[in-house]
Amino acid sequence: MRRVPVVVAMLASAALAAAPGARAGVTDPSQCSVDSFLVACPAGDLVFHSVMREVGGTPQNSPDETFLDLCGCAGARFASPLAGDPYTLVAGCRPTTFLVMPEATADFPLRAGGLCRGASIALVTEGIHVITLSSLASPDQDGDLVVDAADRALLAAKLAGPYDPTADLNGDRLLSVADLDLLDRHLGHAAEMPTGAHASTWGGLKTIYR
């Protein structure tokens, strides 16, 4: 069997360690566990959950800043986080938190309502783009930060039509009475102090992602 010279093997190992996306201590998006859909309730009792991991699957080793960029989600409506909520709201449209150690989790129990689809909602940690989602769903279908009969009627009407991710409240990729049942469990939920989501400029986004 041909043996690789020790010096060559050492150089090859060093090159592999230096390859983009393969450095220890850096978040590896392919190893992260992230909810596949984003749904929010004005009362903040629906949670978007993520776990950040490094190369090899070990949890990220520092409590890095992590955020969801919803600034391009024009239909989203936010209420101010309350004391004790695990995130702050930056620029009125960017829920921001810090990883909770040692598991390196980031939870977003967003106090929000309204809808958007065909958007670009990025999850970013330590400047690394982890995933992009394309829609926000909510039992608050009309975005007034109250879940009421009007929202129920809007969602019920969608069940008879083509698939619409803004009505898929349980994230199972189907529209069914299960989504209506979930909305019913949130009837009466409300939040205060709404702020409008507003789009950032491309220059601003470039600054965010650096």
Foldseek 3Di string as FASTA:
>chain_A
DDDDDPVVVVVVVVVQCPDPQNDPLDWRLVLKDWDQAAEAALQLPDKTKIFTAGPVNAGRDFFWKKKKAQLQFQFKKAAADDPPAQWGQPPQGITMHTQDPDRRMDMGSTNMATKGFQTWIFIDTPLDTNDTHGMYAYCRHRGPQANAPVSLVVLVVCLVDDFDSNQCNVPPSHRDCVSSVVSVVCHGGGHDHMDGRHHDDPVVVVVVND
